[in-house]
Full PDB file with SEQRES, HELIX, SHEET, SSBOND, CRYST1, ORIGX, SCALE, CONECT and MASTER records, all heavy atoms in Angstrom:
SEQRES   1 A   38  ILE PHE GLY VAL LEU ASN GLY ASP GLY SER PRO ASN SER          
SEQRES   2 A   38  PRO ALA ALA PRO ALA ALA ARG GLY SER MET ILE GLN ILE          
SEQRES   3 A   38  TYR ALA THR GLY GLN GLY ALA VAL GLY ASN PRO PRO              
SHEET    1 AA1 2 GLY A   3  ASN A   6  0                                        
SHEET    2 AA1 2 ILE A  24  TYR A  27 -1                                        
CRYST1    1.000    1.000    1.000  90.00  90.00  90.00 P 1           1          
ORIGX1      1.000000  0.000000  0.000000        0.00000                         
ORIGX2      0.000000  1.000000  0.000000        0.00000                         
ORIGX3      0.000000  0.000000  1.000000        0.00000                         
SCALE1      1.000000  0.000000  0.000000        0.00000                         
SCALE2      0.000000  1.000000  0.000000        0.00000                         
SCALE3      0.000000  0.000000  1.000000        0.00000                         
ATOM      1  N   ILE A   1       0.394   7.458  -7.066  1.00  0.00           N  
ATOM      2  CA  ILE A   1       0.902   6.320  -6.292  1.00  0.00           C  
ATOM      3  C   ILE A   1       2.426   6.338  -6.263  1.00  0.00           C  
ATOM      4  O   ILE A   1       3.081   6.509  -7.287  1.00  0.00           O  
ATOM      5  CB  ILE A   1       0.415   4.986  -6.884  1.00  0.00           C  
ATOM      6  CG1 ILE A   1      -1.114   4.928  -6.901  1.00  0.00           C  
ATOM      7  CG2 ILE A   1       0.982   3.803  -6.105  1.00  0.00           C  
ATOM      8  CD1 ILE A   1      -1.680   3.702  -7.614  1.00  0.00           C  
ATOM      9  N   PHE A   2       2.987   6.131  -5.048  1.00  0.00           N  
ATOM     10  CA  PHE A   2       4.443   6.032  -4.858  1.00  0.00           C  
ATOM     11  C   PHE A   2       4.903   4.582  -4.883  1.00  0.00           C  
ATOM     12  O   PHE A   2       5.931   4.257  -5.449  1.00  0.00           O  
ATOM     13  CB  PHE A   2       4.864   6.611  -3.508  1.00  0.00           C  
ATOM     14  CG  PHE A   2       4.649   8.079  -3.373  1.00  0.00           C  
ATOM     15  CD1 PHE A   2       3.862   8.565  -2.351  1.00  0.00           C  
ATOM     16  CD2 PHE A   2       5.221   8.974  -4.236  1.00  0.00           C  
ATOM     17  CE1 PHE A   2       3.660   9.920  -2.193  1.00  0.00           C  
ATOM     18  CE2 PHE A   2       5.027  10.335  -4.096  1.00  0.00           C  
ATOM     19  CZ  PHE A   2       4.251  10.808  -3.067  1.00  0.00           C  
ATOM     20  N   GLY A   3       4.182   3.720  -4.177  1.00  0.00           N  
ATOM     21  CA  GLY A   3       4.627   2.344  -4.071  1.00  0.00           C  
ATOM     22  C   GLY A   3       3.600   1.457  -3.385  1.00  0.00           C  
ATOM     23  O   GLY A   3       2.580   1.933  -2.902  1.00  0.00           O  
ATOM     24  N   VAL A   4       3.911   0.153  -3.357  1.00  0.00           N  
ATOM     25  CA  VAL A   4       2.998  -0.839  -2.783  1.00  0.00           C  
ATOM     26  C   VAL A   4       3.790  -1.791  -1.902  1.00  0.00           C  
ATOM     27  O   VAL A   4       4.856  -2.274  -2.286  1.00  0.00           O  
ATOM     28  CB  VAL A   4       2.279  -1.638  -3.898  1.00  0.00           C  
ATOM     29  CG1 VAL A   4       1.359  -2.685  -3.305  1.00  0.00           C  
ATOM     30  CG2 VAL A   4       1.500  -0.705  -4.809  1.00  0.00           C  
ATOM     31  N   LEU A   5       3.232  -2.041  -0.717  1.00  0.00           N  
ATOM     32  CA  LEU A   5       3.804  -3.032   0.201  1.00  0.00           C  
ATOM     33  C   LEU A   5       2.844  -4.200   0.333  1.00  0.00           C  
ATOM     34  O   LEU A   5       1.626  -4.035   0.222  1.00  0.00           O  
ATOM     35  CB  LEU A   5       4.020  -2.429   1.594  1.00  0.00           C  
ATOM     36  CG  LEU A   5       4.984  -1.258   1.722  1.00  0.00           C  
ATOM     37  CD1 LEU A   5       5.075  -0.813   3.179  1.00  0.00           C  
ATOM     38  CD2 LEU A   5       6.358  -1.603   1.188  1.00  0.00           C  
ATOM     39  N   ASN A   6       3.400  -5.369   0.581  1.00  0.00           N  
ATOM     40  CA  ASN A   6       2.575  -6.534   0.895  1.00  0.00           C  
ATOM     41  C   ASN A   6       2.020  -6.366   2.302  1.00  0.00           C  
ATOM     42  O   ASN A   6       2.474  -5.499   3.060  1.00  0.00           O  
ATOM     43  CB  ASN A   6       3.408  -7.807   0.796  1.00  0.00           C  
ATOM     44  CG  ASN A   6       3.854  -8.078  -0.627  1.00  0.00           C  
ATOM     45  OD1 ASN A   6       3.104  -7.853  -1.575  1.00  0.00           O  
ATOM     46  ND2 ASN A   6       5.075  -8.549  -0.789  1.00  0.00           N  
ATOM     47  N   GLY A   7       1.068  -7.201   2.663  1.00  0.00           N  
ATOM     48  CA  GLY A   7       0.436  -7.123   3.974  1.00  0.00           C  
ATOM     49  C   GLY A   7       1.397  -7.245   5.140  1.00  0.00           C  
ATOM     50  O   GLY A   7       1.151  -6.712   6.216  1.00  0.00           O  
ATOM     51  N   ASP A   8       2.531  -7.929   4.934  1.00  0.00           N  
ATOM     52  CA  ASP A   8       3.519  -8.089   6.016  1.00  0.00           C  
ATOM     53  C   ASP A   8       4.484  -6.907   6.086  1.00  0.00           C  
ATOM     54  O   ASP A   8       5.411  -6.919   6.886  1.00  0.00           O  
ATOM     55  CB  ASP A   8       4.279  -9.405   5.865  1.00  0.00           C  
ATOM     56  CG  ASP A   8       5.132  -9.469   4.594  1.00  0.00           C  
ATOM     57  OD1 ASP A   8       5.195  -8.474   3.824  1.00  0.00           O  
ATOM     58  OD2 ASP A   8       5.738 -10.531   4.355  1.00  0.00           O  
ATOM     59  N   GLY A   9       4.278  -5.901   5.233  1.00  0.00           N  
ATOM     60  CA  GLY A   9       5.127  -4.711   5.236  1.00  0.00           C  
ATOM     61  C   GLY A   9       6.323  -4.795   4.312  1.00  0.00           C  
ATOM     62  O   GLY A   9       7.075  -3.827   4.177  1.00  0.00           O  
ATOM     63  N   SER A  10       6.527  -5.927   3.644  1.00  0.00           N  
ATOM     64  CA  SER A  10       7.646  -6.050   2.709  1.00  0.00           C  
ATOM     65  C   SER A  10       7.288  -5.394   1.381  1.00  0.00           C  
ATOM     66  O   SER A  10       6.124  -5.414   0.965  1.00  0.00           O  
ATOM     67  CB  SER A  10       7.999  -7.525   2.484  1.00  0.00           C  
ATOM     68  OG  SER A  10       6.929  -8.201   1.851  1.00  0.00           O  
ATOM     69  N   PRO A  11       8.283  -4.797   0.697  1.00  0.00           N  
ATOM     70  CA  PRO A  11       7.998  -4.211  -0.622  1.00  0.00           C  
ATOM     71  C   PRO A  11       7.554  -5.295  -1.603  1.00  0.00           C  
ATOM     72  O   PRO A  11       8.152  -6.365  -1.653  1.00  0.00           O  
ATOM     73  CB  PRO A  11       9.345  -3.610  -1.048  1.00  0.00           C  
ATOM     74  CG  PRO A  11      10.110  -3.430   0.225  1.00  0.00           C  
ATOM     75  CD  PRO A  11       9.657  -4.547   1.122  1.00  0.00           C  
ATOM     76  N   ASN A  12       6.508  -5.004  -2.352  1.00  0.00           N  
ATOM     77  CA  ASN A  12       6.036  -5.949  -3.357  1.00  0.00           C  
ATOM     78  C   ASN A  12       7.042  -5.988  -4.496  1.00  0.00           C  
ATOM     79  O   ASN A  12       7.508  -4.944  -4.957  1.00  0.00           O  
ATOM     80  CB  ASN A  12       4.658  -5.541  -3.878  1.00  0.00           C  
ATOM     81  CG  ASN A  12       4.134  -6.531  -4.886  1.00  0.00           C  
ATOM     82  OD1 ASN A  12       4.486  -6.473  -6.051  1.00  0.00           O  
ATOM     83  ND2 ASN A  12       3.296  -7.440  -4.427  1.00  0.00           N  
ATOM     84  N   SER A  13       7.383  -7.187  -4.952  1.00  0.00           N  
ATOM     85  CA  SER A  13       8.330  -7.363  -6.052  1.00  0.00           C  
ATOM     86  C   SER A  13       8.129  -8.760  -6.622  1.00  0.00           C  
ATOM     87  O   SER A  13       7.458  -9.595  -5.994  1.00  0.00           O  
ATOM     88  CB  SER A  13       9.772  -7.208  -5.556  1.00  0.00           C  
ATOM     89  OG  SER A  13      10.131  -8.305  -4.737  1.00  0.00           O  
ATOM     90  N   PRO A  14       8.731  -9.068  -7.791  1.00  0.00           N  
ATOM     91  CA  PRO A  14       8.625 -10.428  -8.309  1.00  0.00           C  
ATOM     92  C   PRO A  14       9.181 -11.471  -7.330  1.00  0.00           C  
ATOM     93  O   PRO A  14       8.695 -12.592  -7.275  1.00  0.00           O  
ATOM     94  CB  PRO A  14       9.447 -10.382  -9.598  1.00  0.00           C  
ATOM     95  CG  PRO A  14       9.296  -8.953 -10.056  1.00  0.00           C  
ATOM     96  CD  PRO A  14       9.329  -8.152  -8.775  1.00  0.00           C  
ATOM     97  N   ALA A  15      10.181 -11.085  -6.525  1.00  0.00           N  
ATOM     98  CA  ALA A  15      10.731 -12.004  -5.527  1.00  0.00           C  
ATOM     99  C   ALA A  15       9.844 -12.098  -4.292  1.00  0.00           C  
ATOM    100  O   ALA A  15       9.957 -13.052  -3.519  1.00  0.00           O  
ATOM    101  CB  ALA A  15      12.136 -11.559  -5.126  1.00  0.00           C  
ATOM    102  N   ALA A  16       8.973 -11.108  -4.081  1.00  0.00           N  
ATOM    103  CA  ALA A  16       8.060 -11.097  -2.928  1.00  0.00           C  
ATOM    104  C   ALA A  16       6.672 -10.676  -3.405  1.00  0.00           C  
ATOM    105  O   ALA A  16       6.217  -9.565  -3.153  1.00  0.00           O  
ATOM    106  CB  ALA A  16       8.567 -10.139  -1.859  1.00  0.00           C  
ATOM    107  N   PRO A  17       5.982 -11.562  -4.136  1.00  0.00           N  
ATOM    108  CA  PRO A  17       4.657 -11.219  -4.668  1.00  0.00           C  
ATOM    109  C   PRO A  17       3.573 -11.277  -3.594  1.00  0.00           C  
ATOM    110  O   PRO A  17       3.723 -11.952  -2.575  1.00  0.00           O  
ATOM    111  CB  PRO A  17       4.420 -12.295  -5.729  1.00  0.00           C  
ATOM    112  CG  PRO A  17       5.186 -13.475  -5.242  1.00  0.00           C  
ATOM    113  CD  PRO A  17       6.401 -12.909  -4.540  1.00  0.00           C  
ATOM    114  N   ALA A  18       2.492 -10.568  -3.852  1.00  0.00           N  
ATOM    115  CA  ALA A  18       1.316 -10.626  -2.976  1.00  0.00           C  
ATOM    116  C   ALA A  18       0.500 -11.858  -3.346  1.00  0.00           C  
ATOM    117  O   ALA A  18       0.377 -12.201  -4.519  1.00  0.00           O  
ATOM    118  CB  ALA A  18       0.469  -9.376  -3.148  1.00  0.00           C  
ATOM    119  N   ALA A  19      -0.047 -12.508  -2.354  1.00  0.00           N  
ATOM    120  CA  ALA A  19      -0.925 -13.650  -2.610  1.00  0.00           C  
ATOM    121  C   ALA A  19      -2.317 -13.143  -2.971  1.00  0.00           C  
ATOM    122  O   ALA A  19      -2.753 -12.099  -2.474  1.00  0.00           O  
ATOM    123  CB  ALA A  19      -0.997 -14.535  -1.372  1.00  0.00           C  
ATOM    124  N   ARG A  20      -3.003 -13.878  -3.847  1.00  0.00           N  
ATOM    125  CA  ARG A  20      -4.395 -13.548  -4.122  1.00  0.00           C  
ATOM    126  C   ARG A  20      -5.174 -13.647  -2.823  1.00  0.00           C  
ATOM    127  O   ARG A  20      -4.968 -14.553  -2.030  1.00  0.00           O  
ATOM    128  CB  ARG A  20      -4.962 -14.473  -5.189  1.00  0.00           C  
ATOM    129  CG  ARG A  20      -4.348 -14.190  -6.560  1.00  0.00           C  
ATOM    130  CD  ARG A  20      -4.847 -15.128  -7.597  1.00  0.00           C  
ATOM    131  NE  ARG A  20      -4.246 -16.447  -7.336  1.00  0.00           N  
ATOM    132  CZ  ARG A  20      -4.558 -17.540  -7.999  1.00  0.00           C  
ATOM    133  NH1 ARG A  20      -5.469 -17.519  -8.931  1.00  0.00           N  
ATOM    134  NH2 ARG A  20      -3.966 -18.679  -7.721  1.00  0.00           N  
ATOM    135  N   GLY A  21      -6.028 -12.678  -2.567  1.00  0.00           N  
ATOM    136  CA  GLY A  21      -6.808 -12.648  -1.345  1.00  0.00           C  
ATOM    137  C   GLY A  21      -6.120 -11.936  -0.195  1.00  0.00           C  
ATOM    138  O   GLY A  21      -6.723 -11.708   0.842  1.00  0.00           O  
ATOM    139  N   SER A  22      -4.844 -11.574  -0.366  1.00  0.00           N  
ATOM    140  CA  SER A  22      -4.113 -10.902   0.710  1.00  0.00           C  
ATOM    141  C   SER A  22      -4.286  -9.390   0.622  1.00  0.00           C  
ATOM    142  O   SER A  22      -4.694  -8.840  -0.397  1.00  0.00           O  
ATOM    143  CB  SER A  22      -2.624 -11.258   0.653  1.00  0.00           C  
ATOM    144  OG  SER A  22      -2.003 -10.660  -0.473  1.00  0.00           O  
ATOM    145  N   MET A  23      -3.944  -8.727   1.723  1.00  0.00           N  
ATOM    146  CA  MET A  23      -4.029  -7.278   1.810  1.00  0.00           C  
ATOM    147  C   MET A  23      -2.732  -6.667   1.284  1.00  0.00           C  
ATOM    148  O   MET A  23      -1.649  -7.202   1.530  1.00  0.00           O  
ATOM    149  CB  MET A  23      -4.238  -6.868   3.274  1.00  0.00           C  
ATOM    150  CG  MET A  23      -4.587  -5.428   3.483  1.00  0.00           C  
ATOM    151  SD  MET A  23      -6.210  -4.975   2.853  1.00  0.00           S  
ATOM    152  CE  MET A  23      -7.274  -5.921   3.908  1.00  0.00           C  
ATOM    153  N   ILE A  24      -2.845  -5.570   0.545  1.00  0.00           N  
ATOM    154  CA  ILE A  24      -1.682  -4.771   0.160  1.00  0.00           C  
ATOM    155  C   ILE A  24      -1.883  -3.360   0.688  1.00  0.00           C  
ATOM    156  O   ILE A  24      -3.015  -2.942   0.968  1.00  0.00           O  
ATOM    157  CB  ILE A  24      -1.453  -4.750  -1.376  1.00  0.00           C  
ATOM    158  CG1 ILE A  24      -2.675  -4.176  -2.108  1.00  0.00           C  
ATOM    159  CG2 ILE A  24      -1.060  -6.122  -1.891  1.00  0.00           C  
ATOM    160  CD1 ILE A  24      -2.437  -3.929  -3.598  1.00  0.00           C  
ATOM    161  N   GLN A  25      -0.792  -2.646   0.844  1.00  0.00           N  
ATOM    162  CA  GLN A  25      -0.831  -1.254   1.275  1.00  0.00           C  
ATOM    163  C   GLN A  25      -0.306  -0.408   0.123  1.00  0.00           C  
ATOM    164  O   GLN A  25       0.840  -0.572  -0.299  1.00  0.00           O  
ATOM    165  CB  GLN A  25       0.042  -1.041   2.509  1.00  0.00           C  
ATOM    166  CG  GLN A  25      -0.390  -1.850   3.693  1.00  0.00           C  
ATOM    167  CD  GLN A  25       0.664  -1.880   4.789  1.00  0.00           C  
ATOM    168  OE1 GLN A  25       1.749  -1.355   4.649  1.00  0.00           O  
ATOM    169  NE2 GLN A  25       0.323  -2.500   5.897  1.00  0.00           N  
ATOM    170  N   ILE A  26      -1.158   0.468  -0.367  1.00  0.00           N  
ATOM    171  CA  ILE A  26      -0.788   1.372  -1.459  1.00  0.00           C  
ATOM    172  C   ILE A  26      -0.463   2.717  -0.824  1.00  0.00           C  
ATOM    173  O   ILE A  26      -1.246   3.232  -0.021  1.00  0.00           O  
ATOM    174  CB  ILE A  26      -1.946   1.515  -2.461  1.00  0.00           C  
ATOM    175  CG1 ILE A  26      -2.321   0.148  -3.032  1.00  0.00           C  
ATOM    176  CG2 ILE A  26      -1.596   2.509  -3.558  1.00  0.00           C  
ATOM    177  CD1 ILE A  26      -3.650   0.133  -3.769  1.00  0.00           C  
ATOM    178  N   TYR A  27       0.695   3.289  -1.177  1.00  0.00           N  
ATOM    179  CA  TYR A  27       1.078   4.600  -0.645  1.00  0.00           C  
ATOM    180  C   TYR A  27       1.054   5.613  -1.779  1.00  0.00           C  
ATOM    181  O   TYR A  27       1.606   5.373  -2.854  1.00  0.00           O  
ATOM    182  CB  TYR A  27       2.443   4.525   0.029  1.00  0.00           C  
ATOM    183  CG  TYR A  27       2.349   3.769   1.330  1.00  0.00           C  
ATOM    184  CD1 TYR A  27       2.660   2.425   1.398  1.00  0.00           C  
ATOM    185  CD2 TYR A  27       1.885   4.407   2.476  1.00  0.00           C  
ATOM    186  CE1 TYR A  27       2.531   1.731   2.590  1.00  0.00           C  
ATOM    187  CE2 TYR A  27       1.750   3.713   3.671  1.00  0.00           C  
ATOM    188  CZ  TYR A  27       2.076   2.378   3.720  1.00  0.00           C  
ATOM    189  OH  TYR A  27       1.935   1.696   4.896  1.00  0.00           O  
ATOM    190  N   ALA A  28       0.378   6.725  -1.510  1.00  0.00           N  
ATOM    191  CA  ALA A  28       0.141   7.726  -2.543  1.00  0.00           C  
ATOM    192  C   ALA A  28       0.059   9.111  -1.909  1.00  0.00           C  
ATOM    193  O   ALA A  28       0.232   9.279  -0.700  1.00  0.00           O  
ATOM    194  CB  ALA A  28      -1.168   7.399  -3.277  1.00  0.00           C  
ATOM    195  N   THR A  29      -0.243  10.066  -2.740  1.00  0.00           N  
ATOM    196  CA  THR A  29      -0.541  11.428  -2.304  1.00  0.00           C  
ATOM    197  C   THR A  29      -1.736  11.900  -3.111  1.00  0.00           C  
ATOM    198  O   THR A  29      -2.143  11.248  -4.064  1.00  0.00           O  
ATOM    199  CB  THR A  29       0.681  12.354  -2.491  1.00  0.00           C  
ATOM    200  OG1 THR A  29       0.419  13.594  -1.852  1.00  0.00           O  
ATOM    201  CG2 THR A  29       0.997  12.576  -3.953  1.00  0.00           C  
ATOM    202  N   GLY A  30      -2.307  13.024  -2.721  1.00  0.00           N  
ATOM    203  CA  GLY A  30      -3.401  13.599  -3.496  1.00  0.00           C  
ATOM    204  C   GLY A  30      -4.779  13.197  -3.054  1.00  0.00           C  
ATOM    205  O   GLY A  30      -5.727  13.269  -3.841  1.00  0.00           O  
ATOM    206  N   GLN A  31      -4.939  12.799  -1.797  1.00  0.00           N  
ATOM    207  CA  GLN A  31      -6.237  12.331  -1.312  1.00  0.00           C  
ATOM    208  C   GLN A  31      -7.219  13.454  -1.032  1.00  0.00           C  
ATOM    209  O   GLN A  31      -8.396  13.204  -0.850  1.00  0.00           O  
ATOM    210  CB  GLN A  31      -6.062  11.487  -0.046  1.00  0.00           C  
ATOM    211  CG  GLN A  31      -5.786  12.280   1.221  1.00  0.00           C  
ATOM    212  CD  GLN A  31      -4.364  12.821   1.304  1.00  0.00           C  
ATOM    213  OE1 GLN A  31      -3.466  12.285   0.666  1.00  0.00           O  
ATOM    214  NE2 GLN A  31      -4.164  13.866   2.076  1.00  0.00           N  
ATOM    215  N   GLY A  32      -6.757  14.688  -0.971  1.00  0.00           N  
ATOM    216  CA  GLY A  32      -7.660  15.789  -0.652  1.00  0.00           C  
ATOM    217  C   GLY A  32      -7.972  15.818   0.837  1.00  0.00           C  
ATOM    218  O   GLY A  32      -7.221  15.314   1.665  1.00  0.00           O  
ATOM    219  N   ALA A  33      -9.104  16.398   1.179  1.00  0.00           N  
ATOM    220  CA  ALA A  33      -9.490  16.575   2.578  1.00  0.00           C  
ATOM    221  C   ALA A  33      -9.778  15.241   3.254  1.00  0.00           C  
ATOM    222  O   ALA A  33     -10.264  14.303   2.627  1.00  0.00           O  
ATOM    223  CB  ALA A  33     -10.726  17.469   2.667  1.00  0.00           C  
ATOM    224  N   VAL A  34      -9.452  15.175   4.543  1.00  0.00           N  
ATOM    225  CA  VAL A  34      -9.735  13.985   5.353  1.00  0.00           C  
ATOM    226  C   VAL A  34     -10.454  14.415   6.624  1.00  0.00           C  
ATOM    227  O   VAL A  34     -10.378  15.570   7.041  1.00  0.00           O  
ATOM    228  CB  VAL A  34      -8.439  13.223   5.741  1.00  0.00           C  
ATOM    229  CG1 VAL A  34      -7.752  12.643   4.530  1.00  0.00           C  
ATOM    230  CG2 VAL A  34      -7.498  14.116   6.535  1.00  0.00           C  
ATOM    231  N   GLY A  35     -11.156  13.470   7.233  1.00  0.00           N  
ATOM    232  CA  GLY A  35     -11.748  13.717   8.538  1.00  0.00           C  
ATOM    233  C   GLY A  35     -10.658  13.659   9.598  1.00  0.00           C  
ATOM    234  O   GLY A  35      -9.653  12.963   9.412  1.00  0.00           O  
ATOM    235  N   ASN A  36     -10.825  14.375  10.677  1.00  0.00           N  
ATOM    236  CA  ASN A  36      -9.836  14.428  11.748  1.00  0.00           C  
ATOM    237  C   ASN A  36      -8.448  14.809  11.229  1.00  0.00           C  
ATOM    238  O   ASN A  36      -7.468  14.117  11.488  1.00  0.00           O  
ATOM    239  CB  ASN A  36      -9.765  13.086  12.495  1.00  0.00           C  
ATOM    240  CG  ASN A  36      -8.892  13.188  13.725  1.00  0.00           C  
ATOM    241  OD1 ASN A  36      -8.974  14.157  14.471  1.00  0.00           O  
ATOM    242  ND2 ASN A  36      -8.046  12.199  13.929  1.00  0.00           N  
ATOM    243  N   PRO A  37      -8.337  15.899  10.472  1.00  0.00           N  
ATOM    244  CA  PRO A  37      -7.035  16.264   9.905  1.00  0.00           C  
ATOM    245  C   PRO A  37      -6.061  16.721  10.991  1.00  0.00           C  
ATOM    246  O   PRO A  37      -6.446  17.427  11.918  1.00  0.00           O  
ATOM    247  CB  PRO A  37      -7.363  17.408   8.956  1.00  0.00           C  
ATOM    248  CG  PRO A  37      -8.592  18.024   9.537  1.00  0.00           C  
ATOM    249  CD  PRO A  37      -9.365  16.882  10.138  1.00  0.00           C  
ATOM    250  N   PRO A  38      -4.786  16.312  10.887  1.00  0.00           N  
ATOM    251  CA  PRO A  38      -3.794  16.816  11.826  1.00  0.00           C  
ATOM    252  C   PRO A  38      -3.432  18.257  11.460  1.00  0.00           C  
ATOM    253  O   PRO A  38      -3.688  18.691  10.333  1.00  0.00           O  
ATOM    254  CB  PRO A  38      -2.599  15.886  11.606  1.00  0.00           C  
ATOM    255  CG  PRO A  38      -2.750  15.415  10.199  1.00  0.00           C  
ATOM    256  CD  PRO A  38      -4.233  15.361   9.936  1.00  0.00           C  
TER     257      PRO A  38                                                      
MASTER        0    0    0    0    2    0    0    6  256    1    0    3          
END                                                                             
């Protein structure tokens, strides 16, 4: 994992926490094979 953004695209931080029940975006590497690979 590299980092996490809140659902609105802002970086997650103590000043900008995610709400319970909200969507977060986790950015990482190492997923292996995917369907429809570019």
